[in-house]
């Protein structure tokens, strides 16, 4: 699952068409990508919010 900047998750898999709005909980519709962020606009409140599309970084391998 991909984590968002504001701590919410996608409702679907990577590069989803919708995401849950962190402000009101409404449906966010994808507006496109800017760098590693996918931007959404909430249909209920009109707020624009980004979702970070990077996978969680793997844990570093400890040196022996």
PDB file of N, CA and C in Angstrom:
ATOM      1  N   UNK A   1       0.851  -1.176   0.000  1.00  0.00           N
ATOM      2  CA  UNK A   1       0.000   0.000   0.000  1.00  0.00           C
ATOM      3  C   UNK A   1       0.892   1.233   0.000  1.00  0.00           C
ATOM      4  N   UNK A   2       0.480   2.233  -0.676  1.00  0.00           N
ATOM      5  CA  UNK A   2       1.262   3.456  -0.797  1.00  0.00           C
ATOM      6  C   UNK A   2       0.779   4.458   0.244  1.00  0.00           C
ATOM      7  N   UNK A   3       1.705   5.046   0.973  1.00  0.00           N
ATOM      8  CA  UNK A   3       1.335   6.041   1.976  1.00  0.00           C
ATOM      9  C   UNK A   3       1.295   7.416   1.358  1.00  0.00           C
ATOM     10  N   UNK A   4       0.420   8.220   1.862  1.00  0.00           N
ATOM     11  CA  UNK A   4       0.288   9.580   1.363  1.00  0.00           C
ATOM     12  C   UNK A   4       1.040  10.549   2.264  1.00  0.00           C
ATOM     13  N   UNK A   5       1.191  11.723   1.781  1.00  0.00           N
ATOM     14  CA  UNK A   5       1.898  12.747   2.533  1.00  0.00           C
ATOM     15  C   UNK A   5       1.212  13.030   3.852  1.00  0.00           C
ATOM     16  N   UNK A   6      -0.084  13.048   3.880  1.00  0.00           N
ATOM     17  CA  UNK A   6      -0.808  13.397   5.090  1.00  0.00           C
ATOM     18  C   UNK A   6      -1.196  12.171   5.913  1.00  0.00           C
ATOM     19  N   UNK A   7      -0.619  11.035   5.628  1.00  0.00           N
ATOM     20  CA  UNK A   7      -0.853   9.851   6.429  1.00  0.00           C
ATOM     21  C   UNK A   7      -2.061   9.028   6.015  1.00  0.00           C
ATOM     22  N   UNK A   8      -2.712   9.344   4.911  1.00  0.00           N
ATOM     23  CA  UNK A   8      -3.817   8.520   4.444  1.00  0.00           C
ATOM     24  C   UNK A   8      -3.326   7.617   3.322  1.00  0.00           C
ATOM     25  N   UNK A   9      -4.102   6.633   2.990  1.00  0.00           N
ATOM     26  CA  UNK A   9      -3.699   5.646   1.992  1.00  0.00           C
ATOM     27  C   UNK A   9      -4.592   5.724   0.770  1.00  0.00           C
ATOM     28  N   UNK A  10      -4.079   5.188  -0.309  1.00  0.00           N
ATOM     29  CA  UNK A  10      -4.893   5.000  -1.501  1.00  0.00           C
ATOM     30  C   UNK A  10      -6.022   4.042  -1.174  1.00  0.00           C
ATOM     31  N   UNK A  11      -7.140   4.205  -1.871  1.00  0.00           N
ATOM     32  CA  UNK A  11      -8.220   3.228  -1.758  1.00  0.00           C
ATOM     33  C   UNK A  11      -7.941   2.021  -2.649  1.00  0.00           C
ATOM     34  N   UNK A  12      -7.067   2.202  -3.637  1.00  0.00           N
ATOM     35  CA  UNK A  12      -6.771   1.163  -4.613  1.00  0.00           C
ATOM     36  C   UNK A  12      -5.266   0.959  -4.697  1.00  0.00           C
ATOM     37  N   UNK A  13      -4.834   0.226  -5.693  1.00  0.00           N
ATOM     38  CA  UNK A  13      -3.413  -0.026  -5.895  1.00  0.00           C
ATOM     39  C   UNK A  13      -2.712   1.217  -6.427  1.00  0.00           C
ATOM     40  N   UNK A  14      -1.420   1.065  -6.685  1.00  0.00           N
ATOM     41  CA  UNK A  14      -0.576   2.156  -7.165  1.00  0.00           C
ATOM     42  C   UNK A  14      -1.204   2.884  -8.350  1.00  0.00           C
ATOM     43  N   UNK A  15      -1.063   4.199  -8.371  1.00  0.00           N
ATOM     44  CA  UNK A  15      -1.587   5.073  -9.420  1.00  0.00           C
ATOM     45  C   UNK A  15      -3.103   4.927  -9.548  1.00  0.00           C
ATOM     46  N   UNK A  16      -3.766   5.111  -8.436  1.00  0.00           N
ATOM     47  CA  UNK A  16      -5.220   4.997  -8.399  1.00  0.00           C
ATOM     48  C   UNK A  16      -5.887   6.190  -9.064  1.00  0.00           C
ATOM     49  N   UNK A  17      -7.120   6.021  -9.499  1.00  0.00           N
ATOM     50  CA  UNK A  17      -7.899   7.101 -10.073  1.00  0.00           C
ATOM     51  C   UNK A  17      -8.603   7.917  -8.993  1.00  0.00           C
ATOM     52  N   UNK A  18      -8.794   7.313  -7.816  1.00  0.00           N
ATOM     53  CA  UNK A  18      -9.436   8.003  -6.700  1.00  0.00           C
ATOM     54  C   UNK A  18      -8.651   7.770  -5.422  1.00  0.00           C
ATOM     55  N   UNK A  19      -8.824   8.679  -4.462  1.00  0.00           N
ATOM     56  CA  UNK A  19      -8.228   8.552  -3.133  1.00  0.00           C
ATOM     57  C   UNK A  19      -9.168   9.228  -2.145  1.00  0.00           C
ATOM     58  N   UNK A  20      -9.108   8.819  -0.900  1.00  0.00           N
ATOM     59  CA  UNK A  20      -9.951   9.391   0.139  1.00  0.00           C
ATOM     60  C   UNK A  20      -9.398  10.757   0.553  1.00  0.00           C
ATOM     61  N   UNK A  21     -10.243  11.776   0.601  1.00  0.00           N
ATOM     62  CA  UNK A  21      -9.844  13.127   0.991  1.00  0.00           C
ATOM     63  C   UNK A  21      -9.495  13.158   2.477  1.00  0.00           C
ATOM     64  N   UNK A  22      -8.304  13.656   2.842  1.00  0.00           N
ATOM     65  CA  UNK A  22      -7.924  13.721   4.248  1.00  0.00           C
ATOM     66  C   UNK A  22      -8.668  14.819   5.010  1.00  0.00           C
ATOM     67  N   UNK A  23      -9.277  15.752   4.315  1.00  0.00           N
ATOM     68  CA  UNK A  23      -9.987  16.859   4.956  1.00  0.00           C
ATOM     69  C   UNK A  23     -11.405  16.464   5.361  1.00  0.00           C
ATOM     70  N   UNK A  24     -12.163  15.898   4.416  1.00  0.00           N
ATOM     71  CA  UNK A  24     -13.575  15.601   4.694  1.00  0.00           C
ATOM     72  C   UNK A  24     -13.940  14.126   4.531  1.00  0.00           C
ATOM     73  N   UNK A  25     -13.028  13.318   3.970  1.00  0.00           N
ATOM     74  CA  UNK A  25     -13.312  11.905   3.756  1.00  0.00           C
ATOM     75  C   UNK A  25     -14.036  11.610   2.449  1.00  0.00           C
ATOM     76  N   UNK A  26     -14.245  12.643   1.635  1.00  0.00           N
ATOM     77  CA  UNK A  26     -14.925  12.465   0.350  1.00  0.00           C
ATOM     78  C   UNK A  26     -14.021  11.804  -0.683  1.00  0.00           C
ATOM     79  N   UNK A  27     -14.576  11.611  -1.869  1.00  0.00           N
ATOM     80  CA  UNK A  27     -13.838  10.975  -2.959  1.00  0.00           C
ATOM     81  C   UNK A  27     -12.970  12.001  -3.679  1.00  0.00           C
ATOM     82  N   UNK A  28     -11.669  11.724  -3.749  1.00  0.00           N
ATOM     83  CA  UNK A  28     -10.754  12.566  -4.499  1.00  0.00           C
ATOM     84  C   UNK A  28     -10.534  11.985  -5.885  1.00  0.00           C
ATOM     85  N   UNK A  29     -10.604  12.833  -6.909  1.00  0.00           N
ATOM     86  CA  UNK A  29     -10.428  12.414  -8.299  1.00  0.00           C
ATOM     87  C   UNK A  29      -9.053  12.867  -8.779  1.00  0.00           C
ATOM     88  N   UNK A  30      -8.339  11.981  -9.449  1.00  0.00           N
ATOM     89  CA  UNK A  30      -6.982  12.280  -9.896  1.00  0.00           C
ATOM     90  C   UNK A  30      -6.962  13.429 -10.889  1.00  0.00           C
ATOM     91  N   UNK A  31      -6.003  14.365 -10.653  1.00  0.00           N
ATOM     92  CA  UNK A  31      -5.775  15.471 -11.586  1.00  0.00           C
ATOM     93  C   UNK A  31      -4.480  15.277 -12.351  1.00  0.00           C
ATOM     94  N   UNK A  32      -3.656  14.303 -11.934  1.00  0.00           N
ATOM     95  CA  UNK A  32      -2.407  14.037 -12.634  1.00  0.00           C
ATOM     96  C   UNK A  32      -1.218  14.004 -11.700  1.00  0.00           C
ATOM     97  N   UNK A  33      -0.033  13.910 -12.310  1.00  0.00           N
ATOM     98  CA  UNK A  33       1.214  13.749 -11.569  1.00  0.00           C
ATOM     99  C   UNK A  33       2.084  14.986 -11.698  1.00  0.00           C
ATOM    100  N   UNK A  34       2.823  15.275 -10.645  1.00  0.00           N
ATOM    101  CA  UNK A  34       3.861  16.284 -10.654  1.00  0.00           C
ATOM    102  C   UNK A  34       5.008  15.687  -9.858  1.00  0.00           C
ATOM    103  N   UNK A  35       6.024  15.225 -10.571  1.00  0.00           N
ATOM    104  CA  UNK A  35       7.131  14.532  -9.908  1.00  0.00           C
ATOM    105  C   UNK A  35       6.658  13.218  -9.330  1.00  0.00           C
ATOM    106  N   UNK A  36       6.941  13.006  -8.058  1.00  0.00           N
ATOM    107  CA  UNK A  36       6.557  11.751  -7.394  1.00  0.00           C
ATOM    108  C   UNK A  36       5.177  11.831  -6.755  1.00  0.00           C
ATOM    109  N   UNK A  37       4.508  12.967  -6.896  1.00  0.00           N
ATOM    110  CA  UNK A  37       3.204  13.160  -6.282  1.00  0.00           C
ATOM    111  C   UNK A  37       2.084  13.014  -7.305  1.00  0.00           C
ATOM    112  N   UNK A  38       1.021  12.353  -6.894  1.00  0.00           N
ATOM    113  CA  UNK A  38      -0.195  12.311  -7.684  1.00  0.00           C
ATOM    114  C   UNK A  38      -1.183  13.241  -6.984  1.00  0.00           C
ATOM    115  N   UNK A  39      -1.756  14.184  -7.712  1.00  0.00           N
ATOM    116  CA  UNK A  39      -2.653  15.178  -7.142  1.00  0.00           C
ATOM    117  C   UNK A  39      -4.105  14.804  -7.381  1.00  0.00           C
ATOM    118  N   UNK A  40      -4.919  15.057  -6.348  1.00  0.00           N
ATOM    119  CA  UNK A  40      -6.342  14.757  -6.376  1.00  0.00           C
ATOM    120  C   UNK A  40      -7.139  15.991  -5.981  1.00  0.00           C
ATOM    121  N   UNK A  41      -8.376  16.066  -6.460  1.00  0.00           N
ATOM    122  CA  UNK A  41      -9.318  17.099  -6.020  1.00  0.00           C
ATOM    123  C   UNK A  41     -10.545  16.395  -5.474  1.00  0.00           C
ATOM    124  N   UNK A  42     -10.936  16.810  -4.257  1.00  0.00           N
ATOM    125  CA  UNK A  42     -12.093  16.203  -3.601  1.00  0.00           C
ATOM    126  C   UNK A  42     -13.385  16.675  -4.265  1.00  0.00           C
ATOM    127  N   UNK A  43     -14.261  15.739  -4.568  1.00  0.00           N
ATOM    128  CA  UNK A  43     -15.552  16.085  -5.171  1.00  0.00           C
ATOM    129  C   UNK A  43     -16.494  16.724  -4.156  1.00  0.00           C
ATOM    130  N   UNK A  44     -16.287  16.445  -2.879  1.00  0.00           N
ATOM    131  CA  UNK A  44     -17.192  16.963  -1.851  1.00  0.00           C
ATOM    132  C   UNK A  44     -16.818  18.381  -1.399  1.00  0.00           C
ATOM    133  N   UNK A  45     -15.542  18.610  -1.086  1.00  0.00           N
ATOM    134  CA  UNK A  45     -15.149  19.907  -0.520  1.00  0.00           C
ATOM    135  C   UNK A  45     -14.278  20.746  -1.456  1.00  0.00           C
ATOM    136  N   UNK A  46     -13.775  20.162  -2.552  1.00  0.00           N
ATOM    137  CA  UNK A  46     -12.976  20.909  -3.516  1.00  0.00           C
ATOM    138  C   UNK A  46     -11.511  21.073  -3.162  1.00  0.00           C
ATOM    139  N   UNK A  47     -11.080  20.458  -2.056  1.00  0.00           N
ATOM    140  CA  UNK A  47      -9.693  20.595  -1.620  1.00  0.00           C
ATOM    141  C   UNK A  47      -8.767  19.784  -2.526  1.00  0.00           C
ATOM    142  N   UNK A  48      -7.620  20.367  -2.923  1.00  0.00           N
ATOM    143  CA  UNK A  48      -6.598  19.663  -3.694  1.00  0.00           C
ATOM    144  C   UNK A  48      -5.582  19.090  -2.723  1.00  0.00           C
ATOM    145  N   UNK A  49      -5.238  17.803  -2.908  1.00  0.00           N
ATOM    146  CA  UNK A  49      -4.274  17.171  -2.010  1.00  0.00           C
ATOM    147  C   UNK A  49      -3.389  16.201  -2.783  1.00  0.00           C
ATOM    148  N   UNK A  50      -2.115  16.081  -2.357  1.00  0.00           N
ATOM    149  CA  UNK A  50      -1.183  15.173  -3.029  1.00  0.00           C
ATOM    150  C   UNK A  50      -1.100  13.828  -2.324  1.00  0.00           C
ATOM    151  N   UNK A  51      -0.705  12.826  -3.093  1.00  0.00           N
ATOM    152  CA  UNK A  51      -0.416  11.493  -2.558  1.00  0.00           C
ATOM    153  C   UNK A  51       0.968  11.109  -3.065  1.00  0.00           C
ATOM    154  N   UNK A  52       1.847  10.724  -2.150  1.00  0.00           N
ATOM    155  CA  UNK A  52       3.205  10.319  -2.501  1.00  0.00           C
ATOM    156  C   UNK A  52       3.158   8.943  -3.133  1.00  0.00           C
ATOM    157  N   UNK A  53       3.676   8.814  -4.359  1.00  0.00           N
ATOM    158  CA  UNK A  53       3.572   7.551  -5.097  1.00  0.00           C
ATOM    159  C   UNK A  53       4.788   6.654  -4.942  1.00  0.00           C
ATOM    160  N   UNK A  54       5.763   7.085  -4.128  1.00  0.00           N
ATOM    161  CA  UNK A  54       6.941   6.226  -3.921  1.00  0.00           C
ATOM    162  C   UNK A  54       6.590   5.053  -3.010  1.00  0.00           C
ATOM    163  N   UNK A  55       7.192   3.933  -3.284  1.00  0.00           N
ATOM    164  CA  UNK A  55       7.071   2.785  -2.392  1.00  0.00           C
ATOM    165  C   UNK A  55       7.893   3.077  -1.145  1.00  0.00           C
ATOM    166  N   UNK A  56       7.551   2.457  -0.047  1.00  0.00           N
ATOM    167  CA  UNK A  56       8.331   2.622   1.171  1.00  0.00           C
ATOM    168  C   UNK A  56       9.769   2.176   0.905  1.00  0.00           C
ATOM    169  N   UNK A  57      10.706   2.939   1.413  1.00  0.00           N
ATOM    170  CA  UNK A  57      12.120   2.625   1.192  1.00  0.00           C
ATOM    171  C   UNK A  57      12.481   1.326   1.904  1.00  0.00           C
ATOM    172  N   UNK A  58      13.251   0.462   1.250  1.00  0.00           N
ATOM    173  CA  UNK A  58      13.674  -0.777   1.911  1.00  0.00           C
ATOM    174  C   UNK A  58      14.633  -0.469   3.054  1.00  0.00           C
ATOM    175  N   UNK A  59      14.630  -1.325   4.033  1.00  0.00           N
ATOM    176  CA  UNK A  59      15.552  -1.162   5.161  1.00  0.00           C
ATOM    177  C   UNK A  59      16.975  -1.346   4.696  1.00  0.00           C
ATOM    178  N   UNK A  60      17.882  -0.499   5.189  1.00  0.00           N
ATOM    179  CA  UNK A  60      19.292  -0.676   4.782  1.00  0.00           C
ATOM    180  C   UNK A  60      19.841  -1.992   5.308  1.00  0.00           C
ATOM    181  N   UNK A  61      20.742  -2.567   4.549  1.00  0.00           N
ATOM    182  CA  UNK A  61      21.386  -3.811   4.974  1.00  0.00           C
ATOM    183  C   UNK A  61      22.492  -3.451   5.966  1.00  0.00           C
ATOM    184  N   UNK A  62      22.431  -4.024   7.162  1.00  0.00           N
ATOM    185  CA  UNK A  62      23.481  -3.685   8.139  1.00  0.00           C
ATOM    186  C   UNK A  62      24.835  -4.199   7.690  1.00  0.00           C
ATOM    187  N   UNK A  63      25.853  -3.384   7.942  1.00  0.00           N
ATOM    188  CA  UNK A  63      27.211  -3.797   7.590  1.00  0.00           C
ATOM    189  C   UNK A  63      27.739  -4.772   8.624  1.00  0.00           C
ATOM    190  N   UNK A  64      28.454  -5.791   8.160  1.00  0.00           N
ATOM    191  CA  UNK A  64      28.992  -6.790   9.081  1.00  0.00           C
ATOM    192  C   UNK A  64      30.428  -6.477   9.420  1.00  0.00           C
TER     193      UNK A  64
END
